[in-house]
C-alpha atoms as a PDB file:
ATOM      1  CA  MET A   1      -0.939 234.442 -35.386  1.00  0.00           C
ATOM      2  CA  GLY A   2       2.741 233.906 -36.819  1.00  0.00           C
ATOM      3  CA  GLU A   3       5.599 234.477 -34.488  1.00  0.00           C
ATOM      4  CA  THR A   4       6.922 237.493 -36.201  1.00  0.00           C
ATOM      5  CA  GLN A   5       3.502 239.088 -35.904  1.00  0.00           C
ATOM      6  CA  ALA A   6       3.323 238.568 -32.534  1.00  0.00           C
ATOM      7  CA  VAL A   7       6.808 240.093 -32.068  1.00  0.00           C
ATOM      8  CA  GLN A   8       5.819 242.972 -33.823  1.00  0.00           C
ATOM      9  CA  GLU A   9       2.662 243.749 -31.879  1.00  0.00           C
ATOM     10  CA  ALA A  10       4.511 243.523 -28.689  1.00  0.00           C
ATOM     11  CA  THR A  11       7.029 245.930 -30.108  1.00  0.00           C
ATOM     12  CA  THR A  12       4.400 248.300 -30.982  1.00  0.00           C
ATOM     13  CA  THR A  13       2.720 247.987 -27.803  1.00  0.00           C
ATOM     14  CA  ALA A  14       5.988 249.059 -26.162  1.00  0.00           C
ATOM     15  CA  GLU A  15       6.587 251.585 -28.321  1.00  0.00           C
ATOM     16  CA  LEU A  16       2.957 252.854 -27.485  1.00  0.00           C
ATOM     17  CA  ALA A  17       3.462 252.751 -24.057  1.00  0.00           C
ATOM     18  CA  ASP A  18       6.821 254.622 -24.259  1.00  0.00           C
ATOM     19  CA  HIS A  19       5.045 257.470 -26.451  1.00  0.00           C
ATOM     20  CA  LEU A  20       2.181 257.706 -24.001  1.00  0.00           C
ATOM     21  CA  VAL A  21       4.947 258.204 -21.038  1.00  0.00           C
ATOM     22  CA  ALA A  22       6.636 260.603 -23.440  1.00  0.00           C
ATOM     23  CA  VAL A  23       3.406 262.488 -23.858  1.00  0.00           C
ATOM     24  CA  ALA A  24       3.016 262.827 -20.233  1.00  0.00           C
ATOM     25  CA  GLY A  25       6.100 264.819 -20.521  1.00  0.00           C
ATOM     26  CA  GLY A  26       4.794 267.019 -22.806  1.00  0.00           C
ATOM     27  CA  ASP A  27       6.506 265.541 -25.955  1.00  0.00           C
ATOM     28  CA  ARG A  28       4.329 266.701 -29.037  1.00  0.00           C
ATOM     29  CA  ARG A  29       6.203 264.155 -31.632  1.00  0.00           C
ATOM     30  CA  ALA A  30       5.248 261.374 -29.052  1.00  0.00           C
ATOM     31  CA  PHE A  31       1.708 262.571 -29.237  1.00  0.00           C
ATOM     32  CA  GLU A  32       1.552 262.660 -32.856  1.00  0.00           C
ATOM     33  CA  ARG A  33       2.806 259.174 -33.063  1.00  0.00           C
ATOM     34  CA  VAL A  34       0.297 258.039 -30.775  1.00  0.00           C
ATOM     35  CA  TYR A  35      -2.192 259.719 -32.684  1.00  0.00           C
ATOM     36  CA  THR A  36      -1.374 258.306 -35.906  1.00  0.00           C
ATOM     37  CA  ALA A  37      -0.854 254.622 -34.410  1.00  0.00           C
ATOM     38  CA  THR A  38      -4.112 254.679 -32.784  1.00  0.00           C
ATOM     39  CA  SER A  39      -6.764 257.387 -34.180  1.00  0.00           C
ATOM     40  CA  SER A  40      -8.654 254.822 -37.135  1.00  0.00           C
ATOM     41  CA  LYS A  41      -9.062 252.187 -34.129  1.00  0.00           C
ATOM     42  CA  LEU A  42     -10.223 254.735 -31.565  1.00  0.00           C
ATOM     43  CA  PHE A  43     -12.658 256.318 -34.295  1.00  0.00           C
ATOM     44  CA  GLY A  44     -13.989 252.597 -34.789  1.00  0.00           C
ATOM     45  CA  VAL A  45     -14.860 252.553 -31.040  1.00  0.00           C
ATOM     46  CA  CYS A  46     -16.545 255.744 -30.989  1.00  0.00           C
ATOM     47  CA  LEU A  47     -18.645 254.855 -34.068  1.00  0.00           C
ATOM     48  CA  ARG A  48     -19.744 251.840 -32.624  1.00  0.00           C
ATOM     49  CA  VAL A  49     -21.321 253.896 -29.816  1.00  0.00           C
ATOM     50  CA  LEU A  50     -22.471 256.781 -31.676  1.00  0.00           C
ATOM     51  CA  PRO A  51     -24.701 256.358 -34.666  1.00  0.00           C
ATOM     52  CA  ASP A  52     -23.559 260.034 -35.846  1.00  0.00           C
ATOM     53  CA  ARG A  53     -19.960 260.291 -37.752  1.00  0.00           C
ATOM     54  CA  GLN A  54     -19.896 263.886 -36.791  1.00  0.00           C
ATOM     55  CA  GLU A  55     -20.498 263.266 -33.236  1.00  0.00           C
ATOM     56  CA  ALA A  56     -18.016 260.198 -33.448  1.00  0.00           C
ATOM     57  CA  GLU A  57     -15.493 262.726 -34.940  1.00  0.00           C
ATOM     58  CA  ASP A  58     -16.226 265.259 -32.227  1.00  0.00           C
ATOM     59  CA  VAL A  59     -15.675 262.632 -29.543  1.00  0.00           C
ATOM     60  CA  LEU A  60     -12.388 261.554 -30.899  1.00  0.00           C
ATOM     61  CA  GLN A  61     -10.876 265.162 -30.634  1.00  0.00           C
ATOM     62  CA  GLU A  62     -11.910 264.886 -26.989  1.00  0.00           C
ATOM     63  CA  VAL A  63     -10.417 261.763 -26.510  1.00  0.00           C
ATOM     64  CA  TYR A  64      -6.917 262.911 -27.703  1.00  0.00           C
ATOM     65  CA  ALA A  65      -7.325 266.298 -25.551  1.00  0.00           C
ATOM     66  CA  THR A  66      -7.941 263.859 -22.566  1.00  0.00           C
ATOM     67  CA  VAL A  67      -4.851 261.657 -23.585  1.00  0.00           C
ATOM     68  CA  TRP A  68      -2.655 264.981 -23.717  1.00  0.00           C
ATOM     69  CA  ARG A  69      -3.878 265.808 -20.249  1.00  0.00           C
ATOM     70  CA  LYS A  70      -3.958 262.588 -18.564  1.00  0.00           C
ATOM     71  CA  ALA A  71      -1.289 260.441 -20.436  1.00  0.00           C
ATOM     72  CA  GLY A  72       0.468 260.614 -16.845  1.00  0.00           C
ATOM     73  CA  GLN A  73      -2.470 258.341 -15.585  1.00  0.00           C
ATOM     74  CA  PHE A  74      -1.540 255.899 -17.893  1.00  0.00           C
ATOM     75  CA  ASP A  75      -0.098 252.513 -16.170  1.00  0.00           C
ATOM     76  CA  ALA A  76       1.152 249.941 -18.089  1.00  0.00           C
ATOM     77  CA  SER A  77       0.931 247.520 -15.264  1.00  0.00           C
ATOM     78  CA  ARG A  78      -2.811 247.741 -15.191  1.00  0.00           C
ATOM     79  CA  ALA A  79      -3.669 248.018 -19.179  1.00  0.00           C
ATOM     80  CA  SER A  80      -2.070 247.710 -22.401  1.00  0.00           C
ATOM     81  CA  PRO A  81      -1.735 251.153 -24.178  1.00  0.00           C
ATOM     82  CA  ILE A  82      -4.598 250.558 -26.567  1.00  0.00           C
ATOM     83  CA  THR A  83      -6.981 248.912 -24.098  1.00  0.00           C
ATOM     84  CA  TRP A  84      -6.138 252.656 -21.896  1.00  0.00           C
ATOM     85  CA  LEU A  85      -7.059 254.360 -24.872  1.00  0.00           C
ATOM     86  CA  ALA A  86     -10.130 252.365 -26.119  1.00  0.00           C
ATOM     87  CA  MET A  87     -11.631 252.900 -22.642  1.00  0.00           C
ATOM     88  CA  ILE A  88     -11.256 256.481 -22.774  1.00  0.00           C
ATOM     89  CA  ALA A  89     -12.734 256.572 -26.393  1.00  0.00           C
ATOM     90  CA  ARG A  90     -15.823 254.313 -25.358  1.00  0.00           C
ATOM     91  CA  ASN A  91     -16.320 256.252 -22.160  1.00  0.00           C
ATOM     92  CA  LYS A  92     -16.361 259.661 -23.965  1.00  0.00           C
ATOM     93  CA  ALA A  93     -18.721 257.992 -26.946  1.00  0.00           C
ATOM     94  CA  ILE A  94     -21.086 256.717 -23.809  1.00  0.00           C
ATOM     95  CA  ASP A  95     -21.005 260.354 -22.277  1.00  0.00           C
ATOM     96  CA  ARG A  96     -21.717 261.918 -25.601  1.00  0.00           C
ATOM     97  CA  LEU A  97     -24.581 259.576 -26.334  1.00  0.00           C
ATOM     98  CA  ARG A  98     -26.513 259.725 -22.786  1.00  0.00           C
ATOM     99  CA  ALA A  99     -26.181 263.490 -23.151  1.00  0.00           C
ATOM    100  CA  THR A 100     -27.830 263.475 -26.671  1.00  0.00           C
ATOM    101  CA  PRO A 101     -31.362 263.902 -26.201  1.00  0.00           C
ATOM    102  CA  SER A 102     -33.596 260.685 -26.653  1.00  0.00           C
ATOM    103  CA  ALA A 103     -35.560 262.236 -29.713  1.00  0.00           C
ATOM    104  CA  ALA A 104     -32.309 262.487 -31.557  1.00  0.00           C
ATOM    105  CA  ARG A 105     -31.506 258.892 -30.818  1.00  0.00           C
ATOM    106  CA  THR A 106     -34.387 257.700 -32.493  1.00  0.00           C
ATOM    107  CA  ALA A 107     -34.876 256.998 -36.437  1.00  0.00           C
ATOM    108  CA  PRO A 108     -37.784 256.121 -38.417  1.00  0.00           C
ATOM    109  CA  ILE A 109     -38.707 252.415 -38.705  1.00  0.00           C
ATOM    110  CA  GLU A 110     -38.114 252.545 -42.327  1.00  0.00           C
ATOM    111  CA  LEU A 111     -34.215 253.019 -41.460  1.00  0.00           C
ATOM    112  CA  ALA A 112     -34.491 249.392 -39.716  1.00  0.00           C
ATOM    113  CA  GLU A 113     -33.296 247.502 -42.836  1.00  0.00           C
ATOM    114  CA  THR A 114     -30.278 249.804 -43.287  1.00  0.00           C
ATOM    115  CA  VAL A 115     -29.031 249.070 -39.679  1.00  0.00           C
ATOM    116  CA  ALA A 116     -26.006 246.580 -39.721  1.00  0.00           C
ATOM    117  CA  ASP A 117     -26.186 243.529 -37.665  1.00  0.00           C
ATOM    118  CA  PRO A 118     -24.804 243.914 -34.341  1.00  0.00           C
ATOM    119  CA  ALA A 119     -23.895 240.490 -33.921  1.00  0.00           C
ATOM    120  CA  ALA A 120     -20.243 239.186 -34.102  1.00  0.00           C
ATOM    121  CA  SER A 121     -18.720 237.608 -37.384  1.00  0.00           C
ATOM    122  CA  PRO A 122     -17.997 234.246 -37.017  1.00  0.00           C
ATOM    123  CA  VAL A 123     -14.141 235.358 -37.428  1.00  0.00           C
ATOM    124  CA  SER A 124     -14.616 237.088 -34.182  1.00  0.00           C
ATOM    125  CA  GLU A 125     -16.602 234.897 -32.607  1.00  0.00           C
ATOM    126  CA  ALA A 126     -13.721 232.172 -33.110  1.00  0.00           C
ATOM    127  CA  GLU A 127     -10.886 234.659 -32.075  1.00  0.00           C
ATOM    128  CA  ALA A 128     -13.098 235.344 -28.893  1.00  0.00           C
ATOM    129  CA  SER A 129     -13.197 231.740 -28.300  1.00  0.00           C
ATOM    130  CA  VAL A 130      -9.597 231.435 -28.585  1.00  0.00           C
ATOM    131  CA  ASP A 131      -9.258 234.583 -26.413  1.00  0.00           C
ATOM    132  CA  ARG A 132     -11.239 232.760 -23.662  1.00  0.00           C
ATOM    133  CA  GLU A 133      -9.661 229.693 -23.719  1.00  0.00           C
ATOM    134  CA  ARG A 134      -6.042 231.320 -23.307  1.00  0.00           C
ATOM    135  CA  LEU A 135      -7.411 233.472 -20.701  1.00  0.00           C
ATOM    136  CA  GLY A 136      -9.086 230.471 -18.927  1.00  0.00           C
ATOM    137  CA  TYR A 137      -5.674 228.544 -19.279  1.00  0.00           C
ATOM    138  CA  CYS A 138      -3.576 231.369 -17.737  1.00  0.00           C
ATOM    139  CA  MET A 139      -6.057 231.904 -14.940  1.00  0.00           C
ATOM    140  CA  ASP A 140      -5.575 228.270 -13.888  1.00  0.00           C
ATOM    141  CA  GLN A 141      -1.896 228.904 -13.621  1.00  0.00           C
ATOM    142  CA  LEU A 142      -2.474 231.347 -10.760  1.00  0.00           C
ATOM    143  CA  GLU A 143      -2.081 230.451  -7.246  1.00  0.00           C
ATOM    144  CA  THR A 144      -5.609 229.569  -6.075  1.00  0.00           C
ATOM    145  CA  ARG A 145      -5.863 232.825  -3.848  1.00  0.00           C
ATOM    146  CA  ARG A 146      -4.735 235.127  -6.419  1.00  0.00           C
ATOM    147  CA  ARG A 147      -7.186 233.724  -9.000  1.00  0.00           C
ATOM    148  CA  SER A 148      -9.927 234.160  -6.437  1.00  0.00           C
ATOM    149  CA  LEU A 149      -8.981 237.731  -5.768  1.00  0.00           C
ATOM    150  CA  ILE A 150      -8.930 238.588  -9.407  1.00  0.00           C
ATOM    151  CA  ARG A 151     -12.477 236.873 -10.183  1.00  0.00           C
ATOM    152  CA  THR A 152     -13.818 238.426  -7.470  1.00  0.00           C
ATOM    153  CA  ALA A 153     -12.527 241.841  -8.174  1.00  0.00           C
ATOM    154  CA  PHE A 154     -13.218 241.845 -11.852  1.00  0.00           C
ATOM    155  CA  PHE A 155     -16.561 239.841 -12.319  1.00  0.00           C
ATOM    156  CA  GLU A 156     -18.217 240.992  -8.906  1.00  0.00           C
ATOM    157  CA  GLY A 157     -16.588 244.534  -8.858  1.00  0.00           C
ATOM    158  CA  ALA A 158     -15.405 244.154  -5.256  1.00  0.00           C
ATOM    159  CA  THR A 159     -12.940 246.666  -4.185  1.00  0.00           C
ATOM    160  CA  TYR A 160      -9.692 246.253  -2.226  1.00  0.00           C
ATOM    161  CA  GLU A 161     -11.614 247.212   0.945  1.00  0.00           C
ATOM    162  CA  GLU A 162     -14.108 244.687   0.550  1.00  0.00           C
ATOM    163  CA  LEU A 163     -11.828 241.893  -0.641  1.00  0.00           C
ATOM    164  CA  ALA A 164      -9.618 242.571   2.190  1.00  0.00           C
ATOM    165  CA  GLN A 165     -12.591 242.313   4.887  1.00  0.00           C
ATOM    166  CA  ARG A 166     -13.801 238.996   3.242  1.00  0.00           C
ATOM    167  CA  ILE A 167     -10.666 237.319   3.575  1.00  0.00           C
ATOM    168  CA  GLY A 168      -9.488 238.869   6.828  1.00  0.00           C
ATOM    169  CA  SER A 169      -6.329 240.390   5.440  1.00  0.00           C
ATOM    170  CA  PRO A 170      -4.884 243.673   5.459  1.00  0.00           C
ATOM    171  CA  ILE A 171      -5.549 245.713   2.151  1.00  0.00           C
ATOM    172  CA  GLY A 172      -1.801 246.176   1.271  1.00  0.00           C
ATOM    173  CA  SER A 173      -1.555 242.248   1.004  1.00  0.00           C
ATOM    174  CA  VAL A 174      -4.912 242.026  -1.281  1.00  0.00           C
ATOM    175  CA  LYS A 175      -3.382 244.803  -3.105  1.00  0.00           C
ATOM    176  CA  SER A 176       0.009 243.107  -3.435  1.00  0.00           C
ATOM    177  CA  TRP A 177      -1.866 239.733  -4.331  1.00  0.00           C
ATOM    178  CA  ILE A 178      -3.862 241.344  -7.382  1.00  0.00           C
ATOM    179  CA  ARG A 179      -1.134 243.109  -8.767  1.00  0.00           C
ATOM    180  CA  ARG A 180       1.315 240.091  -8.622  1.00  0.00           C
ATOM    181  CA  GLY A 181      -1.399 238.003 -10.200  1.00  0.00           C
ATOM    182  CA  LEU A 182      -2.361 240.622 -13.037  1.00  0.00           C
ATOM    183  CA  MET A 183       1.504 240.614 -13.898  1.00  0.00           C
ATOM    184  CA  GLN A 184       1.308 236.836 -14.336  1.00  0.00           C
ATOM    185  CA  LEU A 185      -1.541 236.549 -16.004  1.00  0.00           C
ATOM    186  CA  ARG A 186      -0.140 239.609 -18.201  1.00  0.00           C
ATOM    187  CA  ALA A 187       3.032 237.804 -18.646  1.00  0.00           C
ATOM    188  CA  CYS A 188       1.078 234.430 -19.332  1.00  0.00           C
ATOM    189  CA  LEU A 189      -1.005 236.102 -21.975  1.00  0.00           C
ATOM    190  CA  GLU A 190       1.914 237.770 -23.989  1.00  0.00           C
ATOM    191  CA  GLN A 191       3.437 234.257 -24.461  1.00  0.00           C
END
């Protein structure tokens, strides 16, 4: 990725974060900007989970209704705007899929040949490999305690309370160490 493209994406991410803050304040123009900038990507997320295009469109509408109501919950220190939005879209799509009767989710065997291969393309595999290497490098830059807490929290799903009990430290300290570690990680990944 060229330096210009990286700067442009960072600006877009910052602008999107600003727009979400404005949406939390009831700004309809900011909401339009968020929709324009993200609707195609979020529709793609919905389509990956839901086989029916109409269902995906319905879920996308629910996603933006949720964004309008819950934009105040967006926290730029915890996730990028697009990650936060994609998580909402994915969760809504999964909820819809689970609510669909199982008979409606089955298709005749004759349609098996028309189903796209869900495996990642070679390009996506290469990009994912580079991302994994970058994440590994950035994780190695963290202090040992922060690295260990972040790994345990994310890979084992441990709560702050569980982490505090495991290492015998106050919960406030654990939260602080993880928050600082994530900020360091984010800064490293954005370089």
